Protein backbone atom coordinates (compact mmCIF):
# COMPACT_ATOMS: atom_id res chain seq x y z
CA MET A 1 -21.57 -8.53 -41.09
CA ALA A 2 -21.52 -4.76 -40.52
CA GLY A 3 -24.19 -3.95 -37.95
CA ASP A 4 -25.15 -7.70 -37.41
CA HIS A 5 -24.18 -7.81 -33.88
CA ALA A 6 -25.98 -10.97 -33.07
CA THR A 7 -23.97 -13.01 -35.70
CA VAL A 8 -20.69 -11.55 -34.50
CA LEU A 9 -21.49 -12.44 -30.87
CA ARG A 10 -22.50 -15.96 -31.93
CA ILE A 11 -19.24 -16.40 -33.84
CA LEU A 12 -17.30 -15.02 -30.91
CA ASP A 13 -19.02 -17.36 -28.50
CA ASP A 14 -18.36 -20.36 -30.77
CA LEU A 15 -14.68 -19.37 -31.04
CA THR A 16 -14.36 -19.06 -27.29
CA GLY A 17 -15.96 -22.42 -26.72
CA SER A 18 -13.59 -24.12 -29.29
CA LEU A 19 -10.48 -22.68 -27.61
CA THR A 20 -11.49 -22.94 -23.84
CA GLY A 21 -13.92 -25.79 -23.81
CA VAL A 22 -16.59 -23.56 -22.37
CA ARG A 23 -19.99 -24.05 -23.87
CA PRO A 24 -21.43 -20.75 -25.37
CA PRO A 25 -24.73 -19.89 -23.69
CA GLY A 26 -26.03 -18.22 -26.90
CA LEU A 27 -27.49 -15.41 -24.65
CA ARG A 28 -26.78 -11.68 -24.20
CA VAL A 29 -27.59 -9.99 -20.98
CA ARG A 30 -28.50 -6.22 -20.57
CA VAL A 31 -29.39 -4.16 -17.52
CA SER A 32 -31.79 -1.25 -17.99
CA PRO A 33 -31.05 1.39 -16.86
CA ARG A 34 -27.39 0.94 -16.29
CA VAL A 35 -27.38 3.39 -13.39
CA LEU A 36 -30.19 3.22 -10.94
CA ALA A 37 -31.15 5.30 -7.75
CA SER A 38 -31.36 3.67 -4.43
CA GLY A 39 -34.74 2.01 -4.12
CA GLU A 40 -35.17 1.45 -7.92
CA VAL A 41 -35.33 -1.95 -9.25
CA ALA A 42 -32.86 -3.18 -11.93
CA ARG A 43 -34.40 -4.97 -14.89
CA LEU A 44 -32.28 -7.63 -16.59
CA VAL A 45 -33.11 -8.35 -20.12
CA VAL A 46 -31.76 -11.60 -21.73
CA ASP A 47 -31.87 -11.93 -25.55
CA ARG A 48 -30.95 -14.93 -27.53
CA VAL A 49 -28.08 -14.45 -30.01
CA GLY A 50 -27.39 -18.10 -31.01
CA PRO A 51 -28.36 -21.60 -30.14
CA ALA A 52 -29.00 -21.42 -26.39
CA ALA A 53 -27.49 -24.08 -24.11
CA ASP A 54 -29.26 -25.45 -21.04
CA GLY A 55 -27.97 -25.35 -17.52
CA TRP A 56 -26.79 -21.69 -17.42
CA VAL A 57 -27.93 -19.40 -14.54
CA LEU A 58 -27.92 -15.77 -13.83
CA ARG A 59 -26.36 -14.45 -10.68
CA VAL A 60 -25.14 -11.12 -9.33
CA ARG A 61 -22.05 -10.17 -7.38
CA ASP A 62 -20.68 -6.96 -5.82
CA ASP A 63 -17.11 -6.21 -4.58
CA ALA A 64 -17.77 -8.40 -1.50
CA GLY A 65 -18.96 -11.47 -3.39
CA LEU A 66 -22.21 -13.21 -4.60
CA LEU A 67 -25.58 -11.76 -3.63
CA PRO A 68 -28.35 -14.21 -2.50
CA TRP A 69 -30.22 -14.22 -5.81
CA SER A 70 -30.11 -16.37 -8.92
CA SER A 71 -32.28 -17.28 -11.70
CA GLU A 72 -32.37 -19.72 -14.70
CA ALA A 73 -30.88 -17.87 -17.76
CA ALA A 74 -33.50 -17.91 -20.43
CA PRO A 75 -34.80 -15.20 -22.89
CA GLY A 76 -36.93 -12.75 -21.12
CA GLY A 77 -36.86 -10.11 -18.45
CA PHE A 78 -35.97 -10.44 -14.73
CA ASP A 79 -36.36 -7.89 -11.79
CA LEU A 80 -33.65 -7.73 -9.21
CA PRO A 81 -34.40 -6.77 -5.56
CA ALA A 82 -33.45 -3.27 -4.52
CA LEU A 83 -29.87 -2.76 -3.83
CA PRO A 84 -27.62 -0.35 -1.93
CA GLU A 85 -25.20 2.03 -3.57
CA GLY A 86 -22.34 0.32 -5.33
CA ARG A 87 -21.16 -1.53 -8.57
CA TYR A 88 -22.67 -4.89 -9.51
CA VAL A 89 -21.70 -7.50 -12.07
CA VAL A 90 -24.25 -9.88 -13.60
CA GLU A 91 -22.64 -13.39 -14.36
CA LEU A 92 -23.72 -16.17 -16.57
CA ALA A 93 -22.68 -19.32 -14.64
CA ASP A 94 -22.57 -23.01 -15.49
CA GLY A 95 -21.81 -25.54 -12.79
CA ALA A 96 -19.78 -27.53 -15.29
CA THR A 97 -17.50 -24.91 -16.80
CA GLY A 98 -17.55 -21.79 -14.50
CA ALA A 99 -18.89 -18.32 -14.92
CA TYR A 100 -18.00 -15.16 -16.81
CA PRO A 101 -19.36 -11.51 -16.48
CA ALA A 102 -22.17 -10.71 -18.81
CA ALA A 103 -23.22 -7.14 -17.79
CA GLU A 104 -22.45 -4.41 -15.39
CA PHE A 105 -24.70 -1.95 -13.51
CA PHE A 106 -24.45 0.74 -10.71
CA VAL A 107 -26.73 1.99 -7.97
CA SER A 108 -26.43 5.65 -6.91
CA LYS A 109 -27.48 7.33 -3.68
CA ARG A 110 -29.23 10.03 -5.75
CA PRO A 111 -30.77 9.82 -9.24
CA LEU A 112 -27.95 10.42 -11.80
CA ALA A 113 -29.99 13.15 -13.59
CA GLU A 114 -30.22 15.15 -10.28
CA VAL A 115 -26.49 14.79 -9.73
CA ARG A 116 -25.83 15.99 -13.27
CA LEU A 117 -28.03 18.93 -12.94
CA ALA A 118 -26.22 20.21 -9.84
CA LEU A 119 -22.96 19.92 -11.51
CA GLU A 120 -24.18 21.53 -14.71
CA ALA A 121 -25.24 24.67 -12.67
CA ARG A 122 -21.77 24.90 -11.12
CA LEU A 123 -20.01 24.38 -14.49
CA ALA A 124 -22.20 27.14 -16.06
CA ALA A 125 -20.83 29.61 -13.59
CA LEU A 126 -17.20 28.95 -14.24
CA THR A 127 -14.90 31.47 -15.87
CA SER A 128 -12.07 29.03 -16.52
CA PRO A 129 -10.12 28.76 -19.84
CA GLU A 130 -12.07 27.22 -22.70
CA ASN A 131 -10.04 24.03 -22.83
CA VAL A 132 -10.83 23.39 -19.15
CA ARG A 133 -14.69 24.08 -19.52
CA GLU A 134 -14.72 21.92 -22.72
CA SER A 135 -13.23 18.93 -20.95
CA LEU A 136 -15.59 19.38 -18.00
CA ARG A 137 -18.54 19.60 -20.23
CA ALA A 138 -17.58 16.51 -22.17
CA ARG A 139 -16.88 14.47 -19.05
CA LEU A 140 -20.22 15.62 -17.64
CA ASP A 141 -22.00 14.33 -20.81
CA LEU A 142 -20.81 10.89 -19.73
CA LEU A 143 -23.08 10.99 -16.81
CA ASP A 144 -25.97 9.12 -18.44
CA ALA A 145 -28.22 6.50 -16.66
CA ASP A 146 -28.92 4.65 -19.86
CA PRO A 147 -25.88 5.54 -22.15
CA PRO A 148 -25.50 4.38 -25.70
CA LEU A 149 -23.55 1.15 -25.86
CA ASP A 150 -21.76 1.96 -29.16
CA ARG A 151 -19.18 4.21 -27.47
CA ALA A 152 -16.56 2.42 -25.55
CA VAL A 153 -15.97 5.28 -23.14
CA HIS A 154 -19.39 4.91 -21.58
CA LEU A 155 -18.61 1.26 -20.71
CA LEU A 156 -15.11 2.01 -19.37
CA GLU A 157 -16.01 4.84 -17.04
CA ASP A 158 -17.50 4.16 -13.55
CA PRO A 159 -20.30 6.63 -13.35
CA LEU A 160 -20.29 6.79 -9.58
CA ARG A 161 -16.58 7.47 -9.37
CA LEU A 162 -16.98 10.01 -12.43
CA ALA A 163 -19.51 11.92 -10.41
CA GLY A 164 -17.22 12.31 -7.49
CA ASP A 165 -14.27 13.13 -9.65
CA LEU A 166 -16.32 15.79 -11.54
CA ALA A 167 -17.35 17.39 -8.20
CA GLU A 168 -13.74 17.70 -7.26
CA GLU A 169 -12.54 18.94 -10.71
CA ILE A 170 -15.19 21.65 -10.66
CA ALA A 171 -14.21 22.73 -7.15
CA VAL A 172 -10.63 23.20 -8.36
CA ALA A 173 -11.73 25.12 -11.36
CA GLU A 174 -13.98 27.25 -9.14
CA LYS A 175 -10.75 28.38 -7.25
CA GLY A 176 -9.18 29.48 -10.51
CA ASP A 177 -7.01 26.51 -11.09
CA ASP A 178 -6.68 23.82 -13.75
CA PRO A 179 -7.96 20.58 -12.41
CA TYR A 180 -5.95 18.48 -14.84
CA ARG A 181 -2.54 20.07 -14.36
CA ARG A 182 0.08 17.62 -13.17
CA ARG A 183 -2.63 15.02 -12.53
CA PRO A 184 -1.31 11.55 -12.38
CA GLY A 185 -3.19 8.42 -13.61
CA GLU A 186 -5.58 7.99 -16.52
CA LEU A 187 -8.00 10.56 -17.63
CA TRP A 188 -10.59 10.82 -20.47
CA ARG A 189 -11.06 14.43 -21.74
CA VAL A 190 -11.23 16.38 -24.97
CA ALA A 191 -8.99 18.76 -26.90
CA SER A 192 -10.87 21.55 -28.59
CA GLN A 193 -9.96 23.64 -31.69
CA GLY A 194 -12.20 25.75 -33.87
CA GLY A 195 -15.43 24.41 -32.31
CA THR A 196 -14.26 20.72 -32.96
CA ARG A 197 -13.77 18.35 -30.13
CA VAL A 198 -11.23 15.46 -30.22
CA PRO A 199 -11.69 12.98 -27.50
CA LEU A 200 -8.51 11.55 -26.00
CA ARG A 201 -7.21 9.62 -23.04
CA VAL A 202 -4.01 10.87 -21.16
CA PHE A 203 -2.07 8.71 -18.84
CA ALA A 204 0.68 10.13 -16.63
CA PRO A 205 2.58 7.77 -14.28
CA ALA A 206 2.70 8.68 -10.58
CA GLY A 207 5.89 10.24 -9.45
CA LEU A 208 7.10 11.90 -12.56
CA GLY A 209 8.65 14.66 -10.54
CA ASP A 210 9.78 17.95 -11.96
CA GLU A 211 12.01 16.73 -14.74
CA PRO A 212 10.37 17.03 -18.15
CA ALA A 213 9.16 13.69 -19.34
CA PRO A 214 8.92 12.11 -22.71
CA LEU A 215 5.51 12.05 -24.48
CA VAL A 216 4.16 9.23 -26.80
CA GLY A 217 1.16 9.99 -28.88
CA ALA A 218 -0.41 6.82 -30.07
CA LEU A 219 -2.92 6.68 -32.84
CA HIS A 220 -5.38 3.81 -33.35
CA GLY A 221 -6.44 2.22 -36.53
CA ALA A 222 -9.79 2.08 -38.45
CA GLY A 223 -12.67 0.79 -36.36
CA GLY A 224 -10.99 1.84 -33.00
CA ASP A 225 -11.25 4.88 -30.82
CA GLU A 226 -9.32 6.79 -28.27
CA ASN A 227 -9.59 3.99 -25.76
CA LEU A 228 -7.98 1.37 -27.90
CA PHE A 229 -4.38 1.79 -26.99
CA VAL A 230 -4.96 2.17 -23.40
CA HIS A 231 -7.63 -0.66 -22.77
CA GLY A 232 -7.23 -2.93 -25.73
CA LEU A 233 -4.27 -3.44 -28.01
CA GLY A 234 -1.62 -5.60 -26.08
CA ASN A 235 -4.10 -5.73 -23.19
CA GLY A 236 -3.11 -2.12 -22.12
CA ARG A 237 0.53 -2.72 -22.61
CA LEU A 238 1.35 0.81 -23.52
CA LYS A 239 0.21 2.18 -20.28
CA ALA A 240 2.32 -0.51 -18.39
CA LEU A 241 5.33 0.64 -20.43
CA ALA A 242 4.62 4.18 -19.57
CA GLU A 243 4.73 3.17 -15.83
CA GLU A 244 8.06 1.24 -16.36
CA HIS A 245 9.79 3.99 -18.31
CA GLY A 246 8.38 7.18 -17.05
CA PHE A 247 6.62 8.74 -20.06
CA VAL A 248 3.28 10.51 -20.68
CA VAL A 249 0.84 8.83 -23.05
CA VAL A 250 -1.80 10.63 -25.12
CA THR A 251 -4.23 8.54 -27.22
CA PRO A 252 -6.60 10.68 -29.29
CA LEU A 253 -9.45 9.74 -31.68
CA THR A 254 -7.60 9.26 -35.00
CA TYR A 255 -10.12 10.20 -37.64
CA PRO A 256 -10.32 14.02 -37.21
CA LEU A 257 -6.50 14.30 -37.08
CA ALA A 258 -6.14 12.85 -40.55
CA ALA A 259 -8.15 15.72 -41.88
CA SER A 260 -6.48 18.50 -39.83
CA PRO A 261 -3.07 18.72 -38.31
CA ARG A 262 -4.26 21.68 -36.34
CA LEU A 263 -6.47 19.42 -34.36
CA PHE A 264 -3.36 17.32 -33.40
CA ASP A 265 -1.65 20.56 -32.21
CA ALA A 266 -4.69 20.94 -29.88
CA VAL A 267 -4.21 17.50 -28.65
CA LEU A 268 -0.48 18.05 -27.88
CA GLU A 269 -1.38 21.29 -26.12
CA ALA A 270 -3.92 19.43 -23.85
CA ALA A 271 -1.12 17.08 -22.88
CA THR A 272 1.80 19.42 -22.69
CA GLY A 273 -0.22 22.07 -20.93
CA CYS A 274 -0.86 19.74 -18.09
CA HIS A 275 2.44 17.92 -17.73
CA ARG A 276 6.11 18.88 -18.00
CA ILE A 277 7.08 17.42 -21.37
CA ASP A 278 10.61 17.33 -22.87
CA ALA A 279 10.06 19.05 -26.18
CA SER A 280 13.06 17.15 -27.73
CA ARG A 281 11.37 13.77 -26.89
CA ILE A 282 7.85 13.98 -28.38
CA TYR A 283 7.05 10.77 -30.25
CA LEU A 284 4.31 9.38 -32.53
CA LEU A 285 3.23 5.68 -32.79
CA GLY A 286 0.36 4.55 -34.95
CA HIS A 287 -1.17 1.28 -36.07
CA SER A 288 -2.79 0.79 -39.50
CA LEU A 289 -4.85 3.94 -40.32
CA GLY A 290 -2.99 5.58 -37.25
CA ALA A 291 0.33 4.73 -38.81
CA MET A 292 -0.71 6.42 -42.13
CA THR A 293 -1.90 9.42 -40.05
CA ALA A 294 1.27 9.43 -37.97
CA ALA A 295 3.30 9.61 -41.24
CA GLN A 296 1.11 12.37 -42.44
CA LEU A 297 1.43 14.46 -39.31
CA ALA A 298 5.35 13.97 -39.36
CA ALA A 299 5.39 15.34 -42.80
CA GLN A 300 3.35 18.33 -41.93
CA ARG A 301 4.98 18.96 -38.51
CA PRO A 302 8.47 17.64 -38.86
CA GLU A 303 9.89 19.95 -36.21
CA ARG A 304 7.61 18.46 -33.50
CA PHE A 305 8.59 14.78 -33.38
CA ALA A 306 11.87 13.20 -32.40
CA ALA A 307 10.88 9.77 -34.10
CA VAL A 308 7.73 7.97 -35.47
CA VAL A 309 6.83 4.22 -35.28
CA CYS A 310 4.47 2.90 -37.94
CA ILE A 311 3.01 -0.44 -37.23
CA GLY A 312 1.01 -2.27 -39.90
CA GLY A 313 0.86 0.70 -42.19
CA GLY A 314 2.49 4.06 -42.79
CA GLY A 315 3.68 6.45 -45.46
CA ALA A 316 7.08 7.76 -46.63
CA ALA A 317 9.10 9.62 -44.08
CA PRO A 318 10.08 13.20 -44.74
CA GLU A 319 13.64 14.19 -45.08
CA GLY A 320 15.62 14.17 -41.83
CA ALA A 321 12.96 12.19 -39.92
CA ARG A 322 13.61 8.99 -37.98
CA PHE A 323 11.00 6.27 -38.70
CA LEU A 324 10.74 2.64 -37.74
CA PHE A 325 8.27 0.49 -39.80
CA VAL A 326 7.03 -2.67 -38.15
CA ALA A 327 5.05 -5.46 -39.94
CA GLY A 328 3.68 -8.73 -38.86
CA GLU A 329 4.79 -11.50 -41.09
CA GLN A 330 1.36 -12.90 -41.52
CA ASP A 331 -0.30 -9.34 -42.22
CA PRO A 332 -2.19 -9.60 -45.39
CA LEU A 333 -2.79 -5.77 -45.59
CA PHE A 334 0.63 -4.43 -44.98
CA PRO A 335 3.08 -7.35 -45.32
CA PRO A 336 6.90 -6.82 -44.76
CA TRP A 337 7.62 -6.54 -48.49
CA ARG A 338 5.10 -3.71 -48.81
CA LEU A 339 6.48 -1.74 -45.78
CA ARG A 340 10.13 -2.46 -46.97
CA ARG A 341 9.37 -0.47 -50.21
CA VAL A 342 8.07 2.47 -48.05
CA ALA A 343 11.16 2.34 -45.94
CA GLU A 344 13.51 2.27 -48.94
CA ALA A 345 11.53 5.27 -50.45
CA SER A 346 11.90 7.16 -47.10
CA ARG A 347 15.64 6.67 -47.11
CA ALA A 348 15.85 7.89 -50.77
CA ALA A 349 14.11 11.01 -49.58
CA GLY A 350 16.79 11.68 -46.93
CA ALA A 351 15.03 10.02 -43.88
CA ARG A 352 16.48 7.49 -41.48
CA ALA A 353 14.03 4.49 -41.78
CA ASP A 354 14.26 0.94 -40.68
CA LEU A 355 11.87 -2.05 -40.96
CA ARG A 356 11.28 -4.82 -38.50
CA ALA A 357 9.27 -7.94 -39.19
CA ILE A 358 7.61 -9.78 -36.30
CA PRO A 359 7.15 -13.42 -36.89
CA GLY A 360 3.84 -15.41 -36.07
CA VAL A 361 1.50 -12.40 -36.07
CA GLY A 362 -0.87 -10.67 -38.37
CA HIS A 363 -2.23 -7.09 -38.66
CA THR A 364 -3.56 -6.62 -35.20
CA LEU A 365 -1.75 -9.03 -32.86
CA VAL A 366 1.49 -7.38 -34.07
CA VAL A 367 0.87 -4.33 -31.88
CA GLY A 368 1.03 -6.11 -28.53
CA GLU A 369 4.20 -8.21 -29.62
CA ALA A 370 5.95 -5.05 -30.91
CA LEU A 371 5.18 -2.42 -28.44
CA PRO A 372 8.11 -3.02 -25.88
CA ALA A 373 10.70 -2.94 -28.61
CA CYS A 374 9.00 0.12 -30.33
CA VAL A 375 8.93 2.00 -27.20
CA ALA A 376 12.55 1.21 -26.28
CA TRP A 377 13.50 2.43 -29.77
CA LEU A 378 11.54 5.69 -29.47
CA LEU A 379 13.06 6.63 -26.17
CA GLU A 380 16.55 6.39 -27.58
CA GLN A 381 15.77 9.02 -30.05
CA ARG A 382 15.95 12.79 -29.32
CA ARG A 383 15.03 15.68 -31.56
CA GLU A 384 18.07 17.57 -32.50
CA ALA A 385 18.08 21.48 -32.12
CA ARG A 386 17.45 23.20 -35.47
């Protein structure tokens, strides 16, 4: 089914209907462009992706509630009235079973291209360090009125808020300061090394204070990206655990790190250069391909990590390392018996390696179930001075 998005959407609709009792509408809604300027008209495009059900309507809401507009949901195009600045959600609604969000769009006071050009001119005049300018440039690239929909970051970022944030970040850089230093909350940026950019998300809880904090680097599996651990796996559970226990999270794109450990050095520098990190409490956590990459990085940089967790995958731990392997009992790719052999080989090589099997889950759902215990185990470990 690779690339057959219509079939995937139809299957997901059918599964949702069977589990919730909500009839799938068999429709996909798009808004073009995704970001409009005040006075422009939004164009809703409705495509059929499966057997269409009758009785669905299109409606639009903002933060205050529903707008006085609706239309029968049928394949075709629909024009919305001109709207003031803000964020809007298009809903598919059925009087019998409720409503759910189908698309999102934004209205800006000024055309986004005009806003971007003004910010680009200010960015071009900066003399900040390269890592700051690279992150500002990458964030500025997200300001696209009609972005590609195959990158999750474009769908997760609010372009109106991002434009305001960038103006403030560039203003800080113009004063000669790092706009990302000691910045709390969640941030998408890049690490750069040798001309290669690695996108990543950094999350730092508010109120960390002056004491150095632990850092958890989380590596996603195949098919994912840098947003997955923060917004997907376990419904963002890792971020909630960071709030609870007071540690910094960095979630880079995994694929380039598997080819070059120096790129992970740049990722760590991006995080440790902006937040006070306890060098004896830097941890790695990976899932599937990310678990294998975590094991590889730990073997290449054994002095950097206090402990490593490999969920649904992994490789042998190097001598002296602390590893925890986690398997879902229903995982067909990395079942417990397979990871047990890896743990045994790790112990034979002089590592401290344990295995935990999580009942009732498979290759993906194991992450959300295992994260609290994995984080608790990691935070108990500390790298010994060498």
